[in-house]
Amino acid sequence: METETKKTPRGAAASILAAAALWGIIGVWNRRLMAGGLSPYSIVVVRNCGGLVLLTVYTAERRTHHTLWRRCLRSAGIITAYEFVVGCLVNLRLGWQVWDYSSQPGNVLGQVCPLFCFLWLMLSLPVLLLCGWLRHHMEPQLPRRSGLCWR
């Protein structure tokens, strides 16, 4: 007999709040590569998209049975995809100029580049740890396995 797992919104909300805070810190660190200053609109959009990124990774992590490096690659791909879509919207379509990677080699429309894909790959490990910690503490009814990321 299968038991139904209760899904709680607390884990998702905590993910969004944590990502919004972390995304703002990354934005301050990355200011040198940004073409212009951040407006209040761009801060809200970018922070909320950071929350959506973490929520997407969190959701993908709930159904995974892959090795850590495959999960890191998937996480970096998710982050890069969001970065490209949001960049095309806010930078190219709306003209907010939140970031501009056009000076970086291998960039795609100035919105993503190999350097930041690699940095997102490195950031994926702490993101996966955060997702695992949130899942462990916010959804204790989920099955738990031993190993990295509180799986």
C-alpha atoms as a PDB file:
ATOM      1  CA  MET A   1       0.000   0.000   0.000  1.00  0.00           C
ATOM      2  CA  GLU A   2       1.468   3.345  -1.027  1.00  0.00           C
ATOM      3  CA  THR A   3       1.423   6.173   1.431  1.00  0.00           C
ATOM      4  CA  GLU A   4       0.692   9.605   0.081  1.00  0.00           C
ATOM      5  CA  THR A   5       3.387  12.149   0.857  1.00  0.00           C
ATOM      6  CA  LYS A   6       2.122  15.461   2.120  1.00  0.00           C
ATOM      7  CA  LYS A   7       3.608  18.388   0.207  1.00  0.00           C
ATOM      8  CA  THR A   8       4.230  21.448   2.301  1.00  0.00           C
ATOM      9  CA  PRO A   9       4.659  24.960   0.897  1.00  0.00           C
ATOM     10  CA  ARG A  10       7.113  25.839   3.683  1.00  0.00           C
ATOM     11  CA  GLY A  11      10.053  24.245   1.882  1.00  0.00           C
ATOM     12  CA  ALA A  12       9.259  26.063  -1.349  1.00  0.00           C
ATOM     13  CA  ALA A  13       8.786  29.405   0.410  1.00  0.00           C
ATOM     14  CA  ALA A  14      12.026  28.994   2.328  1.00  0.00           C
ATOM     15  CA  SER A  15      13.781  28.172  -0.956  1.00  0.00           C
ATOM     16  CA  ILE A  16      12.498  31.343  -2.584  1.00  0.00           C
ATOM     17  CA  LEU A  17      13.513  33.535   0.363  1.00  0.00           C
ATOM     18  CA  ALA A  18      16.980  31.999   0.596  1.00  0.00           C
ATOM     19  CA  ALA A  19      17.535  32.324  -3.142  1.00  0.00           C
ATOM     20  CA  ALA A  20      16.410  35.942  -3.166  1.00  0.00           C
ATOM     21  CA  ALA A  21      18.961  36.797  -0.490  1.00  0.00           C
ATOM     22  CA  LEU A  22      21.765  34.807  -2.131  1.00  0.00           C
ATOM     23  CA  TRP A  23      20.974  36.205  -5.579  1.00  0.00           C
ATOM     24  CA  GLY A  24      21.278  39.758  -4.265  1.00  0.00           C
ATOM     25  CA  ILE A  25      24.704  38.969  -2.780  1.00  0.00           C
ATOM     26  CA  ILE A  26      25.828  37.429  -6.080  1.00  0.00           C
ATOM     27  CA  GLY A  27      24.583  40.532  -7.893  1.00  0.00           C
ATOM     28  CA  VAL A  28      26.670  42.820  -5.690  1.00  0.00           C
ATOM     29  CA  TRP A  29      29.731  40.607  -6.206  1.00  0.00           C
ATOM     30  CA  ASN A  30      29.126  40.566  -9.958  1.00  0.00           C
ATOM     31  CA  ARG A  31      28.610  44.359 -10.292  1.00  0.00           C
ATOM     32  CA  ARG A  32      31.840  44.754 -12.264  1.00  0.00           C
ATOM     33  CA  LEU A  33      30.374  42.821 -15.204  1.00  0.00           C
ATOM     34  CA  MET A  34      27.030  44.588 -15.151  1.00  0.00           C
ATOM     35  CA  ALA A  35      26.555  47.252 -17.796  1.00  0.00           C
ATOM     36  CA  GLY A  36      24.443  49.587 -15.654  1.00  0.00           C
ATOM     37  CA  GLY A  37      23.250  50.079 -12.089  1.00  0.00           C
ATOM     38  CA  LEU A  38      20.392  48.063 -10.693  1.00  0.00           C
ATOM     39  CA  SER A  39      16.986  49.715 -10.634  1.00  0.00           C
ATOM     40  CA  PRO A  40      14.351  48.732  -8.067  1.00  0.00           C
ATOM     41  CA  TYR A  41      12.458  46.882 -10.821  1.00  0.00           C
ATOM     42  CA  SER A  42      15.463  44.855 -11.870  1.00  0.00           C
ATOM     43  CA  ILE A  43      16.291  43.967  -8.268  1.00  0.00           C
ATOM     44  CA  VAL A  44      12.788  42.581  -7.749  1.00  0.00           C
ATOM     45  CA  VAL A  45      12.784  40.657 -11.031  1.00  0.00           C
ATOM     46  CA  VAL A  46      16.276  39.207 -10.610  1.00  0.00           C
ATOM     47  CA  ARG A  47      15.758  38.221  -6.964  1.00  0.00           C
ATOM     48  CA  ASN A  48      12.435  36.559  -7.686  1.00  0.00           C
ATOM     49  CA  CYS A  49      13.954  34.722 -10.627  1.00  0.00           C
ATOM     50  CA  GLY A  50      16.709  33.553  -8.290  1.00  0.00           C
ATOM     51  CA  GLY A  51      13.973  32.145  -6.090  1.00  0.00           C
ATOM     52  CA  LEU A  52      12.384  30.426  -9.078  1.00  0.00           C
ATOM     53  CA  VAL A  53      15.758  28.930  -9.994  1.00  0.00           C
ATOM     54  CA  LEU A  54      16.158  27.463  -6.524  1.00  0.00           C
ATOM     55  CA  LEU A  55      12.550  26.273  -6.510  1.00  0.00           C
ATOM     56  CA  THR A  56      13.121  24.518  -9.860  1.00  0.00           C
ATOM     57  CA  VAL A  57      16.315  22.869  -8.572  1.00  0.00           C
ATOM     58  CA  TYR A  58      14.532  21.949  -5.319  1.00  0.00           C
ATOM     59  CA  THR A  59      11.683  20.334  -7.268  1.00  0.00           C
ATOM     60  CA  ALA A  60      14.077  18.474  -9.579  1.00  0.00           C
ATOM     61  CA  GLU A  61      16.026  17.233  -6.545  1.00  0.00           C
ATOM     62  CA  ARG A  62      12.906  15.661  -5.043  1.00  0.00           C
ATOM     63  CA  ARG A  63      12.809  13.155  -7.913  1.00  0.00           C
ATOM     64  CA  THR A  64      16.475  12.417  -8.501  1.00  0.00           C
ATOM     65  CA  HIS A  65      18.558   9.291  -8.241  1.00  0.00           C
ATOM     66  CA  HIS A  66      21.613  10.535 -10.128  1.00  0.00           C
ATOM     67  CA  THR A  67      25.208  11.003  -9.047  1.00  0.00           C
ATOM     68  CA  LEU A  68      26.234  14.275  -7.452  1.00  0.00           C
ATOM     69  CA  TRP A  69      28.043  15.536 -10.571  1.00  0.00           C
ATOM     70  CA  ARG A  70      25.062  14.816 -12.825  1.00  0.00           C
ATOM     71  CA  ARG A  71      22.889  16.713 -10.381  1.00  0.00           C
ATOM     72  CA  CYS A  72      25.383  19.613 -10.376  1.00  0.00           C
ATOM     73  CA  LEU A  73      25.372  19.663 -14.185  1.00  0.00           C
ATOM     74  CA  ARG A  74      21.582  19.667 -14.238  1.00  0.00           C
ATOM     75  CA  SER A  75      21.492  22.457 -11.669  1.00  0.00           C
ATOM     76  CA  ALA A  76      24.000  24.546 -13.659  1.00  0.00           C
ATOM     77  CA  GLY A  77      21.901  23.970 -16.774  1.00  0.00           C
ATOM     78  CA  ILE A  78      18.774  25.144 -14.982  1.00  0.00           C
ATOM     79  CA  ILE A  79      20.544  28.270 -13.718  1.00  0.00           C
ATOM     80  CA  THR A  80      21.997  29.042 -17.163  1.00  0.00           C
ATOM     81  CA  ALA A  81      18.622  28.537 -18.863  1.00  0.00           C
ATOM     82  CA  TYR A  82      16.927  30.930 -16.437  1.00  0.00           C
ATOM     83  CA  GLU A  83      19.767  33.420 -16.840  1.00  0.00           C
ATOM     84  CA  PHE A  84      19.379  33.348 -20.632  1.00  0.00           C
ATOM     85  CA  VAL A  85      15.581  33.667 -20.647  1.00  0.00           C
ATOM     86  CA  VAL A  86      15.491  36.406 -18.010  1.00  0.00           C
ATOM     87  CA  GLY A  87      18.432  38.180 -19.661  1.00  0.00           C
ATOM     88  CA  CYS A  88      16.684  38.197 -23.028  1.00  0.00           C
ATOM     89  CA  LEU A  89      13.559  39.602 -21.382  1.00  0.00           C
ATOM     90  CA  VAL A  90      15.012  42.249 -19.062  1.00  0.00           C
ATOM     91  CA  ASN A  91      18.170  43.196 -20.953  1.00  0.00           C
ATOM     92  CA  LEU A  92      17.294  42.808 -24.614  1.00  0.00           C
ATOM     93  CA  ARG A  93      13.516  43.309 -24.637  1.00  0.00           C
ATOM     94  CA  LEU A  94      13.038  45.804 -21.788  1.00  0.00           C
ATOM     95  CA  GLY A  95      16.482  47.426 -22.059  1.00  0.00           C
ATOM     96  CA  TRP A  96      17.201  47.405 -18.317  1.00  0.00           C
ATOM     97  CA  GLN A  97      20.862  46.437 -18.829  1.00  0.00           C
ATOM     98  CA  VAL A  98      21.102  44.409 -15.627  1.00  0.00           C
ATOM     99  CA  TRP A  99      24.087  42.429 -16.968  1.00  0.00           C
ATOM    100  CA  ASP A 100      26.055  42.265 -20.172  1.00  0.00           C
ATOM    101  CA  TYR A 101      28.468  39.456 -20.985  1.00  0.00           C
ATOM    102  CA  SER A 102      29.115  40.633 -24.550  1.00  0.00           C
ATOM    103  CA  SER A 103      32.778  41.257 -23.677  1.00  0.00           C
ATOM    104  CA  GLN A 104      33.185  37.638 -22.503  1.00  0.00           C
ATOM    105  CA  PRO A 105      34.388  35.018 -25.029  1.00  0.00           C
ATOM    106  CA  GLY A 106      31.779  32.560 -26.248  1.00  0.00           C
ATOM    107  CA  ASN A 107      28.811  34.630 -25.089  1.00  0.00           C
ATOM    108  CA  VAL A 108      25.323  34.082 -26.492  1.00  0.00           C
ATOM    109  CA  LEU A 109      23.597  37.409 -27.172  1.00  0.00           C
ATOM    110  CA  GLY A 110      25.544  38.855 -24.234  1.00  0.00           C
ATOM    111  CA  GLN A 111      23.281  37.021 -21.775  1.00  0.00           C
ATOM    112  CA  VAL A 112      25.224  33.836 -20.986  1.00  0.00           C
ATOM    113  CA  CYS A 113      28.846  32.824 -21.410  1.00  0.00           C
ATOM    114  CA  PRO A 114      31.040  29.767 -20.696  1.00  0.00           C
ATOM    115  CA  LEU A 115      32.750  31.464 -17.733  1.00  0.00           C
ATOM    116  CA  PHE A 116      29.484  31.922 -15.895  1.00  0.00           C
ATOM    117  CA  CYS A 117      28.241  28.466 -16.901  1.00  0.00           C
ATOM    118  CA  PHE A 118      31.329  27.141 -15.098  1.00  0.00           C
ATOM    119  CA  LEU A 119      30.701  29.414 -12.108  1.00  0.00           C
ATOM    120  CA  TRP A 120      27.083  28.196 -11.957  1.00  0.00           C
ATOM    121  CA  LEU A 121      28.438  24.642 -11.978  1.00  0.00           C
ATOM    122  CA  MET A 122      30.609  25.475  -8.954  1.00  0.00           C
ATOM    123  CA  LEU A 123      27.674  27.226  -7.262  1.00  0.00           C
ATOM    124  CA  SER A 124      25.503  24.157  -7.845  1.00  0.00           C
ATOM    125  CA  LEU A 125      27.091  22.154  -5.030  1.00  0.00           C
ATOM    126  CA  PRO A 126      26.107  24.644  -2.282  1.00  0.00           C
ATOM    127  CA  VAL A 127      22.699  25.047  -3.965  1.00  0.00           C
ATOM    128  CA  LEU A 128      22.191  21.277  -3.837  1.00  0.00           C
ATOM    129  CA  LEU A 129      23.281  21.238  -0.195  1.00  0.00           C
ATOM    130  CA  LEU A 130      20.774  24.003   0.575  1.00  0.00           C
ATOM    131  CA  CYS A 131      18.009  22.153  -1.283  1.00  0.00           C
ATOM    132  CA  GLY A 132      18.833  18.955   0.576  1.00  0.00           C
ATOM    133  CA  TRP A 133      18.866  20.744   3.933  1.00  0.00           C
ATOM    134  CA  LEU A 134      15.528  22.412   3.181  1.00  0.00           C
ATOM    135  CA  ARG A 135      14.025  19.128   2.038  1.00  0.00           C
ATOM    136  CA  HIS A 136      15.296  17.347   5.148  1.00  0.00           C
ATOM    137  CA  HIS A 137      14.006  19.975   7.569  1.00  0.00           C
ATOM    138  CA  MET A 138      10.868  21.175   5.803  1.00  0.00           C
ATOM    139  CA  GLU A 139       9.609  17.872   4.435  1.00  0.00           C
ATOM    140  CA  PRO A 140      10.699  15.212   6.940  1.00  0.00           C
ATOM    141  CA  GLN A 141       8.053  12.773   5.654  1.00  0.00           C
ATOM    142  CA  LEU A 142      10.045  12.268   2.426  1.00  0.00           C
ATOM    143  CA  PRO A 143      12.256   9.169   2.279  1.00  0.00           C
ATOM    144  CA  ARG A 144      15.803   9.779   3.418  1.00  0.00           C
ATOM    145  CA  ARG A 145      19.023   8.240   2.200  1.00  0.00           C
ATOM    146  CA  SER A 146      22.472   8.518   3.615  1.00  0.00           C
ATOM    147  CA  GLY A 147      25.135  10.565   1.869  1.00  0.00           C
ATOM    148  CA  LEU A 148      25.687  14.086   0.709  1.00  0.00           C
ATOM    149  CA  CYS A 149      22.858  16.614   0.536  1.00  0.00           C
ATOM    150  CA  TRP A 150      20.673  15.081   3.262  1.00  0.00           C
ATOM    151  CA  ARG A 151      19.164  12.722   0.710  1.00  0.00           C
END
